[in-house]
């Protein structure tokens, strides 16, 4: 499979969206050969704007854990209602900006 294709997002469940491969445990923290998920671009960008790689590797390394997390819950609820072609801008969360 190429890096991007058309399919269903495993996080928001929208169909006919451009998807990318997301390492559930970031490669940076040892997830190179661990499970991946197919995510639409907006969901993938939102995850990386809200969480550090350390957070993702330590406690948010499954679709189920991501869906349960309160920081991304409202985004998932919103994006599910958007058309597959919707382009979404993301900004780092205030918490992520402070960690620099």
PDB file of N, CA and C in Angstrom:
ATOM      1  N   UNK A   1       0.841  -1.184   0.000  1.00  0.00           N
ATOM      2  CA  UNK A   1       0.000   0.000   0.000  1.00  0.00           C
ATOM      3  C   UNK A   1       0.883   1.243   0.000  1.00  0.00           C
ATOM      4  N   UNK A   2       0.521   2.224  -0.827  1.00  0.00           N
ATOM      5  CA  UNK A   2       1.278   3.460  -0.853  1.00  0.00           C
ATOM      6  C   UNK A   2       1.008   4.240   0.432  1.00  0.00           C
ATOM      7  N   UNK A   3       1.776   5.311   0.628  1.00  0.00           N
ATOM      8  CA  UNK A   3       1.626   6.085   1.848  1.00  0.00           C
ATOM      9  C   UNK A   3       0.215   6.645   2.007  1.00  0.00           C
ATOM     10  N   UNK A   4      -0.417   7.052   0.900  1.00  0.00           N
ATOM     11  CA  UNK A   4      -1.768   7.610   0.955  1.00  0.00           C
ATOM     12  C   UNK A   4      -2.672   6.862  -0.009  1.00  0.00           C
ATOM     13  N   UNK A   5      -3.881   6.660   0.400  1.00  0.00           N
ATOM     14  CA  UNK A   5      -4.871   5.975  -0.428  1.00  0.00           C
ATOM     15  C   UNK A   5      -6.249   6.486  -0.024  1.00  0.00           C
ATOM     16  N   UNK A   6      -7.277   6.012  -0.701  1.00  0.00           N
ATOM     17  CA  UNK A   6      -8.654   6.364  -0.348  1.00  0.00           C
ATOM     18  C   UNK A   6      -9.234   5.186   0.424  1.00  0.00           C
ATOM     19  N   UNK A   7      -9.863   5.471   1.539  1.00  0.00           N
ATOM     20  CA  UNK A   7     -10.429   4.397   2.350  1.00  0.00           C
ATOM     21  C   UNK A   7     -11.232   4.957   3.503  1.00  0.00           C
ATOM     22  N   UNK A   8     -11.314   4.184   4.577  1.00  0.00           N
ATOM     23  CA  UNK A   8     -12.056   4.581   5.777  1.00  0.00           C
ATOM     24  C   UNK A   8     -11.070   4.882   6.898  1.00  0.00           C
ATOM     25  N   UNK A   9     -11.332   5.939   7.629  1.00  0.00           N
ATOM     26  CA  UNK A   9     -10.490   6.312   8.765  1.00  0.00           C
ATOM     27  C   UNK A   9     -10.867   5.441   9.965  1.00  0.00           C
ATOM     28  N   UNK A  10      -9.869   4.838  10.577  1.00  0.00           N
ATOM     29  CA  UNK A  10     -10.129   3.973  11.726  1.00  0.00           C
ATOM     30  C   UNK A  10     -10.515   4.759  12.980  1.00  0.00           C
ATOM     31  N   UNK A  11     -10.222   6.058  13.023  1.00  0.00           N
ATOM     32  CA  UNK A  11     -10.540   6.851  14.208  1.00  0.00           C
ATOM     33  C   UNK A  11     -11.931   7.483  14.114  1.00  0.00           C
ATOM     34  N   UNK A  12     -12.198   8.200  13.042  1.00  0.00           N
ATOM     35  CA  UNK A  12     -13.489   8.896  12.933  1.00  0.00           C
ATOM     36  C   UNK A  12     -14.529   8.108  12.144  1.00  0.00           C
ATOM     37  N   UNK A  13     -14.107   7.059  11.455  1.00  0.00           N
ATOM     38  CA  UNK A  13     -14.987   6.170  10.687  1.00  0.00           C
ATOM     39  C   UNK A  13     -15.578   6.810   9.429  1.00  0.00           C
ATOM     40  N   UNK A  14     -15.038   7.961   9.002  1.00  0.00           N
ATOM     41  CA  UNK A  14     -15.505   8.524   7.730  1.00  0.00           C
ATOM     42  C   UNK A  14     -14.984   7.650   6.597  1.00  0.00           C
ATOM     43  N   UNK A  15     -15.755   7.552   5.521  1.00  0.00           N
ATOM     44  CA  UNK A  15     -15.386   6.723   4.369  1.00  0.00           C
ATOM     45  C   UNK A  15     -15.038   7.596   3.172  1.00  0.00           C
ATOM     46  N   UNK A  16     -14.326   6.983   2.218  1.00  0.00           N
ATOM     47  CA  UNK A  16     -13.919   7.665   0.982  1.00  0.00           C
ATOM     48  C   UNK A  16     -13.079   8.907   1.267  1.00  0.00           C
ATOM     49  N   UNK A  17     -12.196   8.784   2.249  1.00  0.00           N
ATOM     50  CA  UNK A  17     -11.287   9.876   2.590  1.00  0.00           C
ATOM     51  C   UNK A  17      -9.857   9.464   2.242  1.00  0.00           C
ATOM     52  N   UNK A  18      -9.009  10.451   2.022  1.00  0.00           N
ATOM     53  CA  UNK A  18      -7.601  10.160   1.801  1.00  0.00           C
ATOM     54  C   UNK A  18      -7.016   9.747   3.152  1.00  0.00           C
ATOM     55  N   UNK A  19      -6.358   8.594   3.178  1.00  0.00           N
ATOM     56  CA  UNK A  19      -5.830   8.091   4.439  1.00  0.00           C
ATOM     57  C   UNK A  19      -4.312   7.996   4.416  1.00  0.00           C
ATOM     58  N   UNK A  20      -3.744   8.056   5.592  1.00  0.00           N
ATOM     59  CA  UNK A  20      -2.304   7.901   5.780  1.00  0.00           C
ATOM     60  C   UNK A  20      -2.082   6.838   6.847  1.00  0.00           C
ATOM     61  N   UNK A  21      -0.859   6.355   6.919  1.00  0.00           N
ATOM     62  CA  UNK A  21      -0.498   5.354   7.920  1.00  0.00           C
ATOM     63  C   UNK A  21      -0.010   6.085   9.170  1.00  0.00           C
ATOM     64  N   UNK A  22      -0.605   5.767  10.297  1.00  0.00           N
ATOM     65  CA  UNK A  22      -0.215   6.346  11.590  1.00  0.00           C
ATOM     66  C   UNK A  22       0.370   5.232  12.446  1.00  0.00           C
ATOM     67  N   UNK A  23       1.587   5.420  12.931  1.00  0.00           N
ATOM     68  CA  UNK A  23       2.192   4.465  13.859  1.00  0.00           C
ATOM     69  C   UNK A  23       1.569   4.702  15.233  1.00  0.00           C
ATOM     70  N   UNK A  24       0.844   3.725  15.732  1.00  0.00           N
ATOM     71  CA  UNK A  24       0.162   3.883  17.018  1.00  0.00           C
ATOM     72  C   UNK A  24       1.158   4.156  18.138  1.00  0.00           C
ATOM     73  N   UNK A  25       2.308   3.512  18.098  1.00  0.00           N
ATOM     74  CA  UNK A  25       3.435   3.875  18.952  1.00  0.00           C
ATOM     75  C   UNK A  25       4.421   4.561  18.010  1.00  0.00           C
ATOM     76  N   UNK A  26       4.706   5.842  18.205  1.00  0.00           N
ATOM     77  CA  UNK A  26       5.570   6.564  17.266  1.00  0.00           C
ATOM     78  C   UNK A  26       6.917   5.862  17.062  1.00  0.00           C
ATOM     79  N   UNK A  27       7.409   5.948  15.826  1.00  0.00           N
ATOM     80  CA  UNK A  27       8.700   5.344  15.508  1.00  0.00           C
ATOM     81  C   UNK A  27       9.788   5.896  16.423  1.00  0.00           C
ATOM     82  N   UNK A  28       9.673   7.171  16.752  1.00  0.00           N
ATOM     83  CA  UNK A  28      10.662   7.846  17.602  1.00  0.00           C
ATOM     84  C   UNK A  28      10.799   7.185  18.981  1.00  0.00           C
ATOM     85  N   UNK A  29       9.724   6.547  19.446  1.00  0.00           N
ATOM     86  CA  UNK A  29       9.768   5.902  20.768  1.00  0.00           C
ATOM     87  C   UNK A  29       9.672   4.378  20.655  1.00  0.00           C
ATOM     88  N   UNK A  30      10.156   3.843  19.535  1.00  0.00           N
ATOM     89  CA  UNK A  30      10.273   2.402  19.393  1.00  0.00           C
ATOM     90  C   UNK A  30       9.153   1.701  18.659  1.00  0.00           C
ATOM     91  N   UNK A  31       8.311   2.420  17.940  1.00  0.00           N
ATOM     92  CA  UNK A  31       7.165   1.795  17.302  1.00  0.00           C
ATOM     93  C   UNK A  31       7.328   1.432  15.834  1.00  0.00           C
ATOM     94  N   UNK A  32       8.559   1.407  15.341  1.00  0.00           N
ATOM     95  CA  UNK A  32       8.791   1.143  13.920  1.00  0.00           C
ATOM     96  C   UNK A  32       8.095  -0.108  13.422  1.00  0.00           C
ATOM     97  N   UNK A  33       8.157  -1.189  14.185  1.00  0.00           N
ATOM     98  CA  UNK A  33       7.589  -2.453  13.732  1.00  0.00           C
ATOM     99  C   UNK A  33       6.330  -2.845  14.516  1.00  0.00           C
ATOM    100  N   UNK A  34       5.747  -1.888  15.228  1.00  0.00           N
ATOM    101  CA  UNK A  34       4.524  -2.138  15.990  1.00  0.00           C
ATOM    102  C   UNK A  34       3.308  -1.778  15.148  1.00  0.00           C
ATOM    103  N   UNK A  35       2.091  -2.068  15.625  1.00  0.00           N
ATOM    104  CA  UNK A  35       0.883  -1.825  14.829  1.00  0.00           C
ATOM    105  C   UNK A  35       0.707  -0.385  14.358  1.00  0.00           C
ATOM    106  N   UNK A  36       0.045  -0.274  13.205  1.00  0.00           N
ATOM    107  CA  UNK A  36      -0.275   1.025  12.614  1.00  0.00           C
ATOM    108  C   UNK A  36      -1.791   1.107  12.420  1.00  0.00           C
ATOM    109  N   UNK A  37      -2.266   2.297  12.093  1.00  0.00           N
ATOM    110  CA  UNK A  37      -3.689   2.501  11.811  1.00  0.00           C
ATOM    111  C   UNK A  37      -3.804   3.362  10.566  1.00  0.00           C
ATOM    112  N   UNK A  38      -4.896   3.207   9.843  1.00  0.00           N
ATOM    113  CA  UNK A  38      -5.171   4.037   8.680  1.00  0.00           C
ATOM    114  C   UNK A  38      -6.079   5.181   9.132  1.00  0.00           C
ATOM    115  N   UNK A  39      -5.539   6.403   9.037  1.00  0.00           N
ATOM    116  CA  UNK A  39      -6.278   7.582   9.497  1.00  0.00           C
ATOM    117  C   UNK A  39      -6.431   8.590   8.377  1.00  0.00           C
ATOM    118  N   UNK A  40      -7.543   9.307   8.401  1.00  0.00           N
ATOM    119  CA  UNK A  40      -7.690  10.421   7.457  1.00  0.00           C
ATOM    120  C   UNK A  40      -6.685  11.499   7.865  1.00  0.00           C
ATOM    121  N   UNK A  41      -6.368  12.339   6.934  1.00  0.00           N
ATOM    122  CA  UNK A  41      -5.356  13.367   7.187  1.00  0.00           C
ATOM    123  C   UNK A  41      -5.749  14.295   8.338  1.00  0.00           C
ATOM    124  N   UNK A  42      -7.016  14.787   8.401  1.00  0.00           N
ATOM    125  CA  UNK A  42      -7.365  15.654   9.535  1.00  0.00           C
ATOM    126  C   UNK A  42      -7.177  14.974  10.902  1.00  0.00           C
ATOM    127  N   UNK A  43      -7.596  13.717  11.035  1.00  0.00           N
ATOM    128  CA  UNK A  43      -7.429  13.016  12.317  1.00  0.00           C
ATOM    129  C   UNK A  43      -5.947  12.845  12.643  1.00  0.00           C
ATOM    130  N   UNK A  44      -5.156  12.468  11.632  1.00  0.00           N
ATOM    131  CA  UNK A  44      -3.718  12.264  11.849  1.00  0.00           C
ATOM    132  C   UNK A  44      -3.059  13.566  12.316  1.00  0.00           C
ATOM    133  N   UNK A  45      -3.380  14.659  11.644  1.00  0.00           N
ATOM    134  CA  UNK A  45      -2.797  15.955  12.032  1.00  0.00           C
ATOM    135  C   UNK A  45      -3.245  16.371  13.429  1.00  0.00           C
ATOM    136  N   UNK A  46      -4.521  16.137  13.731  1.00  0.00           N
ATOM    137  CA  UNK A  46      -5.040  16.537  15.038  1.00  0.00           C
ATOM    138  C   UNK A  46      -4.348  15.768  16.159  1.00  0.00           C
ATOM    139  N   UNK A  47      -4.125  14.493  15.974  1.00  0.00           N
ATOM    140  CA  UNK A  47      -3.429  13.689  16.989  1.00  0.00           C
ATOM    141  C   UNK A  47      -2.065  14.288  17.283  1.00  0.00           C
ATOM    142  N   UNK A  48      -1.311  14.589  16.216  1.00  0.00           N
ATOM    143  CA  UNK A  48       0.043  15.096  16.427  1.00  0.00           C
ATOM    144  C   UNK A  48       0.078  16.551  16.897  1.00  0.00           C
ATOM    145  N   UNK A  49      -1.028  17.271  16.751  1.00  0.00           N
ATOM    146  CA  UNK A  49      -1.062  18.635  17.281  1.00  0.00           C
ATOM    147  C   UNK A  49      -1.446  18.640  18.759  1.00  0.00           C
ATOM    148  N   UNK A  50      -2.128  17.605  19.212  1.00  0.00           N
ATOM    149  CA  UNK A  50      -2.569  17.555  20.611  1.00  0.00           C
ATOM    150  C   UNK A  50      -1.613  16.820  21.546  1.00  0.00           C
ATOM    151  N   UNK A  51      -0.898  15.833  21.031  1.00  0.00           N
ATOM    152  CA  UNK A  51      -0.111  14.955  21.896  1.00  0.00           C
ATOM    153  C   UNK A  51       1.349  14.891  21.470  1.00  0.00           C
ATOM    154  N   UNK A  52       2.207  14.720  22.447  1.00  0.00           N
ATOM    155  CA  UNK A  52       3.622  14.497  22.158  1.00  0.00           C
ATOM    156  C   UNK A  52       3.810  13.025  21.786  1.00  0.00           C
ATOM    157  N   UNK A  53       4.914  12.704  21.156  1.00  0.00           N
ATOM    158  CA  UNK A  53       5.206  11.308  20.837  1.00  0.00           C
ATOM    159  C   UNK A  53       5.317  10.470  22.103  1.00  0.00           C
ATOM    160  N   UNK A  54       5.840  11.056  23.163  1.00  0.00           N
ATOM    161  CA  UNK A  54       5.946  10.321  24.434  1.00  0.00           C
ATOM    162  C   UNK A  54       4.558   9.969  24.976  1.00  0.00           C
ATOM    163  N   UNK A  55       3.607  10.912  24.899  1.00  0.00           N
ATOM    164  CA  UNK A  55       2.237  10.633  25.350  1.00  0.00           C
ATOM    165  C   UNK A  55       1.606   9.526  24.511  1.00  0.00           C
ATOM    166  N   UNK A  56       1.802   9.616  23.206  1.00  0.00           N
ATOM    167  CA  UNK A  56       1.228   8.613  22.313  1.00  0.00           C
ATOM    168  C   UNK A  56       1.801   7.230  22.609  1.00  0.00           C
ATOM    169  N   UNK A  57       3.095   7.153  22.800  1.00  0.00           N
ATOM    170  CA  UNK A  57       3.729   5.864  23.058  1.00  0.00           C
ATOM    171  C   UNK A  57       3.392   5.284  24.412  1.00  0.00           C
ATOM    172  N   UNK A  58       3.212   6.142  25.398  1.00  0.00           N
ATOM    173  CA  UNK A  58       2.997   5.666  26.769  1.00  0.00           C
ATOM    174  C   UNK A  58       1.554   5.254  27.055  1.00  0.00           C
ATOM    175  N   UNK A  59       0.582   6.022  26.551  1.00  0.00           N
ATOM    176  CA  UNK A  59      -0.787   5.724  26.967  1.00  0.00           C
ATOM    177  C   UNK A  59      -1.837   5.778  25.871  1.00  0.00           C
ATOM    178  N   UNK A  60      -1.481   6.269  24.693  1.00  0.00           N
ATOM    179  CA  UNK A  60      -2.479   6.420  23.624  1.00  0.00           C
ATOM    180  C   UNK A  60      -2.077   5.639  22.379  1.00  0.00           C
ATOM    181  N   UNK A  61      -1.653   4.397  22.575  1.00  0.00           N
ATOM    182  CA  UNK A  61      -1.126   3.630  21.452  1.00  0.00           C
ATOM    183  C   UNK A  61      -2.115   2.613  20.888  1.00  0.00           C
ATOM    184  N   UNK A  62      -3.389   2.957  20.950  1.00  0.00           N
ATOM    185  CA  UNK A  62      -4.417   2.160  20.277  1.00  0.00           C
ATOM    186  C   UNK A  62      -5.559   3.092  19.878  1.00  0.00           C
ATOM    187  N   UNK A  63      -6.324   2.675  18.891  1.00  0.00           N
ATOM    188  CA  UNK A  63      -7.472   3.479  18.449  1.00  0.00           C
ATOM    189  C   UNK A  63      -8.461   3.639  19.604  1.00  0.00           C
ATOM    190  N   UNK A  64      -8.673   2.578  20.363  1.00  0.00           N
ATOM    191  CA  UNK A  64      -9.621   2.626  21.484  1.00  0.00           C
ATOM    192  C   UNK A  64      -9.185   3.663  22.525  1.00  0.00           C
ATOM    193  N   UNK A  65      -7.905   3.675  22.863  1.00  0.00           N
ATOM    194  CA  UNK A  65      -7.406   4.649  23.845  1.00  0.00           C
ATOM    195  C   UNK A  65      -7.531   6.078  23.319  1.00  0.00           C
ATOM    196  N   UNK A  66      -7.243   6.280  22.038  1.00  0.00           N
ATOM    197  CA  UNK A  66      -7.393   7.613  21.457  1.00  0.00           C
ATOM    198  C   UNK A  66      -8.846   8.067  21.517  1.00  0.00           C
ATOM    199  N   UNK A  67      -9.767   7.188  21.142  1.00  0.00           N
ATOM    200  CA  UNK A  67     -11.190   7.553  21.152  1.00  0.00           C
ATOM    201  C   UNK A  67     -11.680   7.918  22.543  1.00  0.00           C
ATOM    202  N   UNK A  68     -11.124   7.294  23.560  1.00  0.00           N
ATOM    203  CA  UNK A  68     -11.548   7.553  24.946  1.00  0.00           C
ATOM    204  C   UNK A  68     -10.983   8.851  25.500  1.00  0.00           C
ATOM    205  N   UNK A  69      -9.910   9.361  24.910  1.00  0.00           N
ATOM    206  CA  UNK A  69      -9.242  10.537  25.472  1.00  0.00           C
ATOM    207  C   UNK A  69     -10.073  11.796  25.244  1.00  0.00           C
ATOM    208  N   UNK A  70     -10.257  12.567  26.303  1.00  0.00           N
ATOM    209  CA  UNK A  70     -11.125  13.756  26.239  1.00  0.00           C
ATOM    210  C   UNK A  70     -10.594  14.853  25.330  1.00  0.00           C
ATOM    211  N   UNK A  71      -9.273  14.947  25.143  1.00  0.00           N
ATOM    212  CA  UNK A  71      -8.727  16.033  24.325  1.00  0.00           C
ATOM    213  C   UNK A  71      -9.128  15.913  22.853  1.00  0.00           C
ATOM    214  N   UNK A  72      -9.286  14.716  22.351  1.00  0.00           N
ATOM    215  CA  UNK A  72      -9.607  14.549  20.930  1.00  0.00           C
ATOM    216  C   UNK A  72     -11.079  14.198  20.706  1.00  0.00           C
ATOM    217  N   UNK A  73     -11.804  13.898  21.760  1.00  0.00           N
ATOM    218  CA  UNK A  73     -13.192  13.457  21.655  1.00  0.00           C
ATOM    219  C   UNK A  73     -14.077  14.449  20.878  1.00  0.00           C
ATOM    220  N   UNK A  74     -14.010  15.724  21.204  1.00  0.00           N
ATOM    221  CA  UNK A  74     -14.847  16.730  20.535  1.00  0.00           C
ATOM    222  C   UNK A  74     -14.479  16.842  19.058  1.00  0.00           C
ATOM    223  N   UNK A  75     -13.193  16.725  18.751  1.00  0.00           N
ATOM    224  CA  UNK A  75     -12.766  16.791  17.349  1.00  0.00           C
ATOM    225  C   UNK A  75     -13.354  15.629  16.557  1.00  0.00           C
ATOM    226  N   UNK A  76     -13.297  14.427  17.103  1.00  0.00           N
ATOM    227  CA  UNK A  76     -13.839  13.251  16.410  1.00  0.00           C
ATOM    228  C   UNK A  76     -15.335  13.433  16.163  1.00  0.00           C
ATOM    229  N   UNK A  77     -16.037  13.909  17.170  1.00  0.00           N
ATOM    230  CA  UNK A  77     -17.480  14.137  17.044  1.00  0.00           C
ATOM    231  C   UNK A  77     -17.757  15.134  15.919  1.00  0.00           C
ATOM    232  N   UNK A  78     -16.955  16.182  15.814  1.00  0.00           N
ATOM    233  CA  UNK A  78     -17.127  17.218  14.793  1.00  0.00           C
ATOM    234  C   UNK A  78     -16.735  16.703  13.404  1.00  0.00           C
ATOM    235  N   UNK A  79     -15.577  16.074  13.289  1.00  0.00           N
ATOM    236  CA  UNK A  79     -15.063  15.675  11.967  1.00  0.00           C
ATOM    237  C   UNK A  79     -15.952  14.619  11.317  1.00  0.00           C
ATOM    238  N   UNK A  80     -16.604  13.798  12.117  1.00  0.00           N
ATOM    239  CA  UNK A  80     -17.505  12.769  11.560  1.00  0.00           C
ATOM    240  C   UNK A  80     -18.602  13.372  10.700  1.00  0.00           C
ATOM    241  N   UNK A  81     -18.967  14.622  10.976  1.00  0.00           N
ATOM    242  CA  UNK A  81     -20.043  15.299  10.253  1.00  0.00           C
ATOM    243  C   UNK A  81     -19.548  16.040   9.007  1.00  0.00           C
ATOM    244  N   UNK A  82     -18.224  16.069   8.812  1.00  0.00           N
ATOM    245  CA  UNK A  82     -17.658  16.840   7.711  1.00  0.00           C
ATOM    246  C   UNK A  82     -17.541  15.993   6.447  1.00  0.00           C
ATOM    247  N   UNK A  83     -17.655  16.637   5.263  1.00  0.00           N
ATOM    248  CA  UNK A  83     -17.499  15.893   4.010  1.00  0.00           C
ATOM    249  C   UNK A  83     -16.059  15.392   3.856  1.00  0.00           C
ATOM    250  N   UNK A  84     -15.867  14.307   3.101  1.00  0.00           N
ATOM    251  CA  UNK A  84     -14.539  13.717   2.938  1.00  0.00           C
ATOM    252  C   UNK A  84     -13.504  14.667   2.336  1.00  0.00           C
ATOM    253  N   UNK A  85     -13.943  15.666   1.612  1.00  0.00           N
ATOM    254  CA  UNK A  85     -13.017  16.585   0.952  1.00  0.00           C
ATOM    255  C   UNK A  85     -12.623  17.777   1.822  1.00  0.00           C
ATOM    256  N   UNK A  86     -13.185  17.899   3.004  1.00  0.00           N
ATOM    257  CA  UNK A  86     -12.938  19.046   3.887  1.00  0.00           C
ATOM    258  C   UNK A  86     -11.469  19.132   4.273  1.00  0.00           C
ATOM    259  N   UNK A  87     -10.860  20.295   4.061  1.00  0.00           N
ATOM    260  CA  UNK A  87      -9.490  20.544   4.488  1.00  0.00           C
ATOM    261  C   UNK A  87      -9.548  21.211   5.853  1.00  0.00           C
ATOM    262  N   UNK A  88      -8.773  20.713   6.780  1.00  0.00           N
ATOM    263  CA  UNK A  88      -8.827  21.190   8.153  1.00  0.00           C
ATOM    264  C   UNK A  88      -7.460  21.718   8.557  1.00  0.00           C
ATOM    265  N   UNK A  89      -7.445  22.903   9.138  1.00  0.00           N
ATOM    266  CA  UNK A  89      -6.190  23.456   9.670  1.00  0.00           C
ATOM    267  C   UNK A  89      -6.076  23.051  11.128  1.00  0.00           C
ATOM    268  N   UNK A  90      -4.876  22.733  11.549  1.00  0.00           N
ATOM    269  CA  UNK A  90      -4.661  22.363  12.948  1.00  0.00           C
ATOM    270  C   UNK A  90      -3.597  23.258  13.546  1.00  0.00           C
ATOM    271  N   UNK A  91      -3.716  23.480  14.837  1.00  0.00           N
ATOM    272  CA  UNK A  91      -2.725  24.235  15.594  1.00  0.00           C
ATOM    273  C   UNK A  91      -2.348  23.393  16.796  1.00  0.00           C
ATOM    274  N   UNK A  92      -1.122  23.541  17.241  1.00  0.00           N
ATOM    275  CA  UNK A  92      -0.727  22.827  18.450  1.00  0.00           C
ATOM    276  C   UNK A  92      -1.555  23.326  19.621  1.00  0.00           C
ATOM    277  N   UNK A  93      -1.914  22.402  20.503  1.00  0.00           N
ATOM    278  CA  UNK A  93      -2.681  22.798  21.685  1.00  0.00           C
ATOM    279  C   UNK A  93      -1.835  23.707  22.552  1.00  0.00           C
ATOM    280  N   UNK A  94      -2.475  24.477  23.403  1.00  0.00           N
ATOM    281  CA  UNK A  94      -1.744  25.376  24.307  1.00  0.00           C
ATOM    282  C   UNK A  94      -0.782  24.569  25.183  1.00  0.00           C
ATOM    283  N   UNK A  95      -1.204  23.406  25.613  1.00  0.00           N
ATOM    284  CA  UNK A  95      -0.347  22.556  26.446  1.00  0.00           C
ATOM    285  C   UNK A  95       0.905  22.139  25.681  1.00  0.00           C
ATOM    286  N   UNK A  96       0.763  21.752  24.416  1.00  0.00           N
ATOM    287  CA  UNK A  96       1.904  21.324  23.611  1.00  0.00           C
ATOM    288  C   UNK A  96       2.845  22.496  23.368  1.00  0.00           C
ATOM    289  N   UNK A  97       2.313  23.705  23.166  1.00  0.00           N
ATOM    290  CA  UNK A  97       3.167  24.868  22.927  1.00  0.00           C
ATOM    291  C   UNK A  97       4.013  25.178  24.157  1.00  0.00           C
ATOM    292  N   UNK A  98       3.456  24.973  25.334  1.00  0.00           N
ATOM    293  CA  UNK A  98       4.184  25.276  26.585  1.00  0.00           C
ATOM    294  C   UNK A  98       5.316  24.292  26.826  1.00  0.00           C
ATOM    295  N   UNK A  99       5.230  23.074  26.283  1.00  0.00           N
ATOM    296  CA  UNK A  99       6.233  22.030  26.539  1.00  0.00           C
ATOM    297  C   UNK A  99       7.532  22.255  25.802  1.00  0.00           C
ATOM    298  N   UNK A 100       7.571  23.189  24.893  1.00  0.00           N
ATOM    299  CA  UNK A 100       8.789  23.427  24.110  1.00  0.00           C
ATOM    300  C   UNK A 100       9.881  24.034  24.901  1.00  0.00           C
TER     301      UNK A 100
END
